[in-house]
Amino acid sequence: MAERFVGSLGHQHQTVLSAINASSSGDIITVTDGRTYTERLDDIQLNDITIRSSRTNPNNFPVLRLFFNSNTLNHINNWVFGAVIMEPNSNSRFTFNLKNITFRRCVFRNYDYLCACDCQAGRVKRFESCVFHDFSDYVFNAQQNYSDQALVVRNCTFHNCVRIFRNDFHNGENAATPQITNSVFTASPNIAPDVQDGAQQPSNKRYWLMRQFRHCTFTNDPQTTNSQLGAECLVNINENVIYAQSGAKAQPGDFKISNNPAVRNSGSDALGYSPDLGGLSRTSPYDRGAWEFDGEPPPPVKKKILPYINYQGAF
C-alpha cells in the first residue's frame, strides 16, 4: 500500500486523476489543499482506493467535481471517500453507481440528484457522518434490484433537500430495507413522496420505508403520521435548537450541532461513525447528525427517548 499526495506545486500530483493513474489497489490518495478539482475519470479499472483530504475543518475541504464514464462505473470496486466536498460535474448529472462505495465526513451540495442506480448486494452505498444540502431533486433513488441493507445512512444531516427518497426502496414488510440511523432532516419536508405501491395502495411502500428510520430527528412531519416512523424518532424540533446559530447555512461547518440540543447524546447505541467538527471520533454515546463542535461539556446522556412526541426543543 502506498500513499500519494495531491496538491499545489511541490507535491507528487497536481490532479486526482494523475494520482489514480499512478496507484495500485489498496493505495491512499490524500488531497492536501482546498482547491476545486474538476476532472473526468474515464476507463479506470482499479479497486480498493481511498481518496481523502488531510484537512479537519469542513469549510476547507477540497471540492471534487468528478465525472465517471460508464466503463469506469462498471470496473471499480470498494472505493472510500473521506473529508471532501462533492459537487456535480457540468459534463453530466452524476450518479454514484459504483460497487461498494463508502463516504465518511463528506459534504454533498448543489445536486439535482445524487444516487440513481440499482442498489443491490455487491453494490452497497455507505454514507457515514455526511452532510447533504441544497438538492433541487431527490437524493436517493432505487430503480431496480434493491437488496437488503444496500443503502446505509448513519449520522448524516440533510438540509434543504427537495426530496430524499424516490421510487422502489421497499417492497413490503419482509422485503429489502435500507439502514437510516442517527440522522437529522431539516427544511426537507418531502422525505419519501415518490415511494409508491401503485394506484391501489399508493403509500404502502412509503409506510415500510419510514419505519426503517431509527434515532432520527425531523424539523417537520415527514409526510407521514408519526406512528410510521421507526424507533426513537423526534419530530418538530426547531432548526435553531439543532444547530449553532451562524446565519445563513452556506458553509459545511455551519451544520455543526450546538452544545445542548435534544439531538446530542440521544442516538442509538449501535456502532456509528460520528466525528466532531475537528474530525475526532465521538465514541459513546452516538449523537445524531453529522458533526458538532467542541464547547461546553455535553448534557447528560438521554436514553429511551419516547418516540413520536413533539418535544419542541424542550430539553
Protein backbone atom coordinates (compact mmCIF):
# COMPACT_ATOMS: atom_id res chain seq x y z
CA MET A 1 0.00 0.00 0.00
CA ALA A 2 1.28 3.44 -0.94
CA GLU A 3 0.05 6.95 -0.13
CA ARG A 4 0.06 9.53 -2.89
CA PHE A 5 -0.32 13.25 -2.29
CA VAL A 6 -2.27 15.68 -4.44
CA GLY A 7 -1.94 19.43 -4.07
CA SER A 8 -0.17 22.54 -5.24
CA LEU A 9 3.27 22.60 -6.79
CA GLY A 10 5.81 20.50 -4.96
CA HIS A 11 3.50 17.54 -4.45
CA GLN A 12 3.66 14.28 -6.32
CA HIS A 13 0.47 15.05 -8.24
CA GLN A 14 -1.47 18.13 -9.22
CA THR A 15 -4.65 16.25 -10.17
CA VAL A 16 -6.67 13.46 -8.62
CA LEU A 17 -6.67 11.61 -11.95
CA SER A 18 -2.88 11.53 -12.20
CA ALA A 19 -2.71 10.08 -8.69
CA ILE A 20 -5.30 7.45 -9.59
CA ASN A 21 -3.42 6.50 -12.75
CA ALA A 22 -0.25 6.02 -10.69
CA SER A 23 -1.98 3.97 -7.99
CA SER A 24 -2.45 0.28 -7.38
CA SER A 25 -5.23 -1.45 -5.49
CA GLY A 26 -5.09 -0.59 -1.81
CA ASP A 27 -3.41 2.80 -2.23
CA ILE A 28 -4.46 6.02 -0.46
CA ILE A 29 -4.73 9.35 -2.27
CA THR A 30 -4.52 12.34 0.08
CA VAL A 31 -5.51 15.82 -1.11
CA THR A 32 -3.65 18.42 0.93
CA ASP A 33 -5.21 21.70 -0.21
CA GLY A 34 -8.70 23.13 -0.51
CA ARG A 35 -8.81 23.64 -4.27
CA THR A 36 -11.61 22.59 -6.62
CA TYR A 37 -10.78 19.59 -8.79
CA THR A 38 -12.97 19.27 -11.90
CA GLU A 39 -11.94 16.06 -13.60
CA ARG A 40 -13.10 13.20 -15.81
CA LEU A 41 -12.32 9.65 -14.78
CA ASP A 42 -12.56 7.63 -17.98
CA ASP A 43 -11.92 3.91 -18.24
CA ILE A 44 -10.48 3.47 -14.76
CA GLN A 45 -10.19 -0.15 -13.60
CA LEU A 46 -8.99 -0.11 -10.01
CA ASN A 47 -10.25 -1.47 -6.70
CA ASP A 48 -9.76 -0.64 -3.01
CA ILE A 49 -8.79 3.02 -3.40
CA THR A 50 -9.18 5.69 -0.71
CA ILE A 51 -9.45 9.36 -1.72
CA ARG A 52 -9.36 11.66 1.28
CA SER A 53 -8.45 15.11 2.49
CA SER A 54 -5.82 15.86 5.12
CA ARG A 55 -7.98 18.71 6.45
CA THR A 56 -10.22 18.62 9.51
CA ASN A 57 -12.28 21.81 9.10
CA PRO A 58 -15.13 21.00 6.67
CA ASN A 59 -15.18 24.59 5.39
CA ASN A 60 -11.70 23.97 3.98
CA PHE A 61 -12.26 20.55 2.46
CA PRO A 62 -11.23 20.23 -1.20
CA VAL A 63 -14.09 20.24 -3.72
CA LEU A 64 -14.28 17.26 -6.06
CA ARG A 65 -16.30 17.57 -9.25
CA LEU A 66 -15.70 14.16 -10.73
CA PHE A 67 -17.25 12.58 -13.77
CA PHE A 68 -17.11 8.80 -14.12
CA ASN A 69 -17.90 7.33 -17.52
CA SER A 70 -19.89 4.09 -17.69
CA ASN A 71 -16.83 1.91 -18.21
CA THR A 72 -15.26 3.23 -15.02
CA LEU A 73 -18.51 2.73 -13.09
CA ASN A 74 -18.51 -0.94 -14.04
CA HIS A 75 -14.86 -1.65 -13.29
CA ILE A 76 -14.03 -0.13 -9.92
CA ASN A 77 -14.96 -1.53 -6.54
CA ASN A 78 -14.51 -0.76 -2.82
CA TRP A 79 -13.65 2.94 -3.07
CA VAL A 80 -13.69 5.18 0.02
CA PHE A 81 -14.00 8.98 0.06
CA GLY A 82 -13.20 10.93 3.20
CA ALA A 83 -13.44 14.61 4.23
CA VAL A 84 -14.15 16.08 0.80
CA ILE A 85 -16.90 18.25 -0.69
CA MET A 86 -18.65 16.59 -3.61
CA GLU A 87 -20.31 18.76 -6.25
CA PRO A 88 -21.83 17.89 -9.64
CA ASN A 89 -19.68 17.96 -12.74
CA SER A 90 -21.15 20.12 -15.52
CA ASN A 91 -20.40 17.39 -18.08
CA SER A 92 -23.04 15.11 -16.66
CA ARG A 93 -25.60 14.53 -13.97
CA PHE A 94 -23.58 12.44 -11.58
CA THR A 95 -24.68 9.11 -10.14
CA PHE A 96 -22.75 7.01 -7.65
CA ASN A 97 -23.50 3.75 -9.41
CA LEU A 98 -20.25 2.38 -8.04
CA LYS A 99 -19.75 -1.01 -6.49
CA ASN A 100 -19.32 -0.94 -2.71
CA ILE A 101 -18.56 2.72 -2.15
CA THR A 102 -18.21 4.47 1.22
CA PHE A 103 -18.30 8.20 2.09
CA ARG A 104 -17.15 9.41 5.52
CA ARG A 105 -17.36 13.05 6.66
CA CYS A 106 -18.16 14.18 3.13
CA VAL A 107 -20.37 17.06 2.02
CA PHE A 108 -22.73 16.77 -0.96
CA ARG A 109 -24.22 20.03 -2.22
CA ASN A 110 -25.97 21.63 -5.18
CA TYR A 111 -27.02 18.41 -6.91
CA ASP A 112 -30.21 17.85 -8.83
CA TYR A 113 -29.88 14.24 -7.77
CA LEU A 114 -27.15 12.11 -6.29
CA CYS A 115 -27.70 8.37 -6.34
CA ALA A 116 -29.85 6.90 -9.12
CA CYS A 117 -28.95 3.30 -9.53
CA ASP A 118 -29.70 -0.27 -8.70
CA CYS A 119 -28.72 -0.83 -5.08
CA GLN A 120 -28.02 -4.48 -4.68
CA ALA A 121 -25.78 -6.82 -2.76
CA GLY A 122 -22.30 -6.15 -4.24
CA ARG A 123 -23.16 -2.50 -4.91
CA VAL A 124 -23.62 -1.26 -1.36
CA LYS A 125 -23.58 2.51 -0.74
CA ARG A 126 -22.48 3.73 2.72
CA PHE A 127 -22.78 7.31 3.93
CA GLU A 128 -21.36 7.97 7.40
CA SER A 129 -21.32 11.44 9.02
CA CYS A 130 -22.08 13.21 5.76
CA VAL A 131 -23.92 16.47 5.08
CA PHE A 132 -26.39 16.77 2.19
CA HIS A 133 -27.70 20.26 1.46
CA ASP A 134 -29.36 22.28 -1.29
CA PHE A 135 -30.58 19.47 -3.52
CA SER A 136 -33.04 20.53 -6.22
CA ASP A 137 -34.38 16.99 -6.60
CA TYR A 138 -34.15 13.61 -4.89
CA VAL A 139 -31.06 12.36 -3.08
CA PHE A 140 -31.51 8.58 -3.29
CA ASN A 141 -33.34 6.66 -6.00
CA ALA A 142 -33.53 2.88 -6.24
CA GLN A 143 -34.97 1.92 -9.60
CA GLN A 144 -34.46 -1.81 -9.58
CA ASN A 145 -32.83 -4.80 -7.89
CA TYR A 146 -32.79 -3.27 -4.44
CA SER A 147 -31.14 -5.58 -1.91
CA ASP A 148 -31.39 -5.68 1.86
CA GLN A 149 -29.24 -3.02 3.55
CA ALA A 150 -27.70 -1.99 0.25
CA LEU A 151 -28.01 1.62 1.40
CA VAL A 152 -26.54 2.59 4.78
CA VAL A 153 -27.02 6.14 6.11
CA ARG A 154 -25.55 6.86 9.56
CA ASN A 155 -25.07 10.12 11.48
CA CYS A 156 -25.91 12.25 8.46
CA THR A 157 -27.50 15.69 8.16
CA PHE A 158 -29.93 16.64 5.37
CA HIS A 159 -30.91 20.28 4.84
CA ASN A 160 -32.96 21.97 2.12
CA CYS A 161 -33.35 18.84 0.03
CA VAL A 162 -36.46 18.86 -2.17
CA ARG A 163 -36.89 15.10 -1.91
CA ILE A 164 -34.85 12.41 -0.13
CA PHE A 165 -36.09 9.03 -1.37
CA ARG A 166 -37.64 8.17 -4.70
CA ASN A 167 -39.12 5.05 -6.25
CA ASP A 168 -38.93 1.49 -5.03
CA PHE A 169 -36.86 1.38 -1.84
CA HIS A 170 -39.11 -1.14 -0.15
CA ASN A 171 -41.44 -3.80 -1.49
CA GLY A 172 -43.17 -4.86 1.69
CA GLU A 173 -42.72 -5.93 5.26
CA ASN A 174 -40.34 -8.78 4.50
CA ALA A 175 -38.52 -7.16 1.61
CA ALA A 176 -35.24 -5.30 1.46
CA THR A 177 -34.70 -2.38 3.81
CA PRO A 178 -32.17 0.46 3.95
CA GLN A 179 -30.47 1.44 7.21
CA ILE A 180 -31.16 5.05 8.21
CA THR A 181 -29.91 5.81 11.73
CA ASN A 182 -28.85 8.77 13.89
CA SER A 183 -29.61 11.32 11.17
CA VAL A 184 -31.15 14.79 11.11
CA PHE A 185 -33.53 16.18 8.47
CA THR A 186 -34.18 19.94 8.39
CA ALA A 187 -36.05 22.02 5.81
CA SER A 188 -36.63 18.78 3.87
CA PRO A 189 -40.36 18.01 4.09
CA ASN A 190 -40.59 15.54 1.20
CA ILE A 191 -38.77 12.57 2.69
CA ALA A 192 -40.40 9.88 0.55
CA PRO A 193 -43.17 11.40 -1.62
CA ASP A 194 -42.46 9.20 -4.63
CA VAL A 195 -42.18 5.85 -2.88
CA GLN A 196 -45.40 4.26 -4.04
CA ASP A 197 -47.07 0.92 -4.47
CA GLY A 198 -49.34 1.60 -7.41
CA ALA A 199 -52.84 3.04 -7.62
CA GLN A 200 -54.42 0.65 -5.13
CA GLN A 201 -52.02 1.22 -2.24
CA PRO A 202 -50.13 4.44 -3.00
CA SER A 203 -48.44 4.72 0.40
CA ASN A 204 -47.68 1.11 1.31
CA LYS A 205 -44.00 1.18 0.35
CA ARG A 206 -43.54 4.56 1.92
CA TYR A 207 -45.06 3.17 5.09
CA TRP A 208 -42.45 0.42 5.33
CA LEU A 209 -39.64 2.74 4.30
CA MET A 210 -40.44 5.27 7.03
CA ARG A 211 -40.34 2.50 9.62
CA GLN A 212 -36.65 1.98 8.81
CA PHE A 213 -35.68 5.35 10.29
CA ARG A 214 -34.05 4.86 13.69
CA HIS A 215 -32.98 7.59 16.13
CA CYS A 216 -33.60 10.36 13.58
CA THR A 217 -34.79 13.94 14.02
CA PHE A 218 -37.08 15.91 11.69
CA THR A 219 -37.92 19.60 11.82
CA ASN A 220 -41.36 18.83 10.41
CA ASP A 221 -43.65 15.85 9.96
CA PRO A 222 -42.02 13.96 7.03
CA GLN A 223 -45.23 13.43 5.04
CA THR A 224 -46.36 10.58 7.22
CA THR A 225 -48.06 10.01 10.51
CA ASN A 226 -45.66 9.86 13.41
CA SER A 227 -46.59 6.29 14.23
CA GLN A 228 -44.99 5.13 10.98
CA LEU A 229 -41.55 6.30 11.97
CA GLY A 230 -39.07 3.85 13.46
CA ALA A 231 -37.68 3.72 16.97
CA GLU A 232 -36.87 6.89 18.93
CA CYS A 233 -37.53 9.45 16.21
CA LEU A 234 -38.13 13.08 17.14
CA VAL A 235 -40.29 15.41 15.07
CA ASN A 236 -40.94 19.17 15.03
CA ILE A 237 -37.70 20.08 16.74
CA ASN A 238 -36.95 23.64 15.69
CA GLU A 239 -33.92 24.00 13.48
CA ASN A 240 -32.28 26.60 15.69
CA VAL A 241 -32.40 24.07 18.52
CA ILE A 242 -30.30 21.66 16.48
CA TYR A 243 -27.65 23.92 15.02
CA ALA A 244 -25.39 26.57 16.40
CA GLN A 245 -26.54 29.95 15.17
CA SER A 246 -24.29 31.15 12.36
CA GLY A 247 -26.53 32.98 9.92
CA ALA A 248 -27.32 31.53 6.51
CA LYS A 249 -26.08 27.99 6.19
CA ALA A 250 -23.75 28.31 3.24
CA GLN A 251 -20.66 26.59 4.63
CA PRO A 252 -20.37 22.92 5.67
CA GLY A 253 -19.21 23.92 9.13
CA ASP A 254 -22.47 25.77 9.70
CA PHE A 255 -24.16 22.42 10.16
CA LYS A 256 -22.35 21.72 13.40
CA ILE A 257 -24.56 20.57 16.26
CA SER A 258 -24.88 23.14 19.00
CA ASN A 259 -23.88 22.50 22.61
CA ASN A 260 -27.18 21.49 24.15
CA PRO A 261 -29.80 20.42 21.63
CA ALA A 262 -32.05 17.44 22.09
CA VAL A 263 -30.18 15.53 19.41
CA ARG A 264 -26.94 15.34 21.36
CA ASN A 265 -26.39 12.17 23.34
CA SER A 266 -29.70 10.75 22.18
CA GLY A 267 -28.66 8.50 19.35
CA SER A 268 -28.51 4.77 19.03
CA ASP A 269 -26.02 2.73 20.99
CA ALA A 270 -25.27 0.85 17.79
CA LEU A 271 -21.88 1.43 16.22
CA GLY A 272 -21.76 4.60 14.16
CA TYR A 273 -19.05 6.92 12.86
CA SER A 274 -19.74 10.33 14.37
CA PRO A 275 -16.92 12.93 14.46
CA ASP A 276 -16.84 16.37 15.99
CA LEU A 277 -16.09 19.39 13.83
CA GLY A 278 -12.36 18.84 14.16
CA GLY A 279 -12.64 15.33 12.79
CA LEU A 280 -12.13 13.44 16.05
CA SER A 281 -14.40 10.46 16.51
CA ARG A 282 -17.14 10.64 19.11
CA THR A 283 -17.30 7.25 20.74
CA SER A 284 -20.18 6.85 23.15
CA PRO A 285 -22.98 7.71 23.13
CA TYR A 286 -23.57 8.20 19.43
CA ASP A 287 -25.12 11.58 18.74
CA ARG A 288 -27.44 12.42 15.89
CA GLY A 289 -26.30 14.44 12.92
CA ALA A 290 -23.01 14.73 11.08
CA TRP A 291 -20.70 16.64 13.43
CA GLU A 292 -20.58 19.00 16.35
CA PHE A 293 -18.07 21.47 17.75
CA ASP A 294 -16.06 21.48 20.94
CA GLY A 295 -17.71 23.67 23.53
CA GLU A 296 -19.32 23.27 26.89
CA PRO A 297 -19.48 19.81 28.41
CA PRO A 298 -22.31 17.80 26.84
CA PRO A 299 -25.62 17.41 28.66
CA PRO A 300 -26.42 14.15 30.44
CA VAL A 301 -26.97 11.09 28.31
CA LYS A 302 -30.59 10.76 27.24
CA LYS A 303 -31.65 7.21 26.54
CA LYS A 304 -35.02 5.62 25.94
CA ILE A 305 -36.47 8.79 24.47
CA LEU A 306 -40.13 8.18 23.83
CA PRO A 307 -40.81 8.11 20.09
CA TYR A 308 -43.15 10.41 18.19
CA ILE A 309 -43.51 13.03 20.94
CA ASN A 310 -43.40 16.67 19.86
CA TYR A 311 -40.67 17.89 22.21
CA GLN A 312 -40.34 21.35 20.58
CA GLY A 313 -36.82 21.64 21.88
CA ALA A 314 -37.83 21.23 25.48
CA PHE A 315 -34.64 19.54 26.64
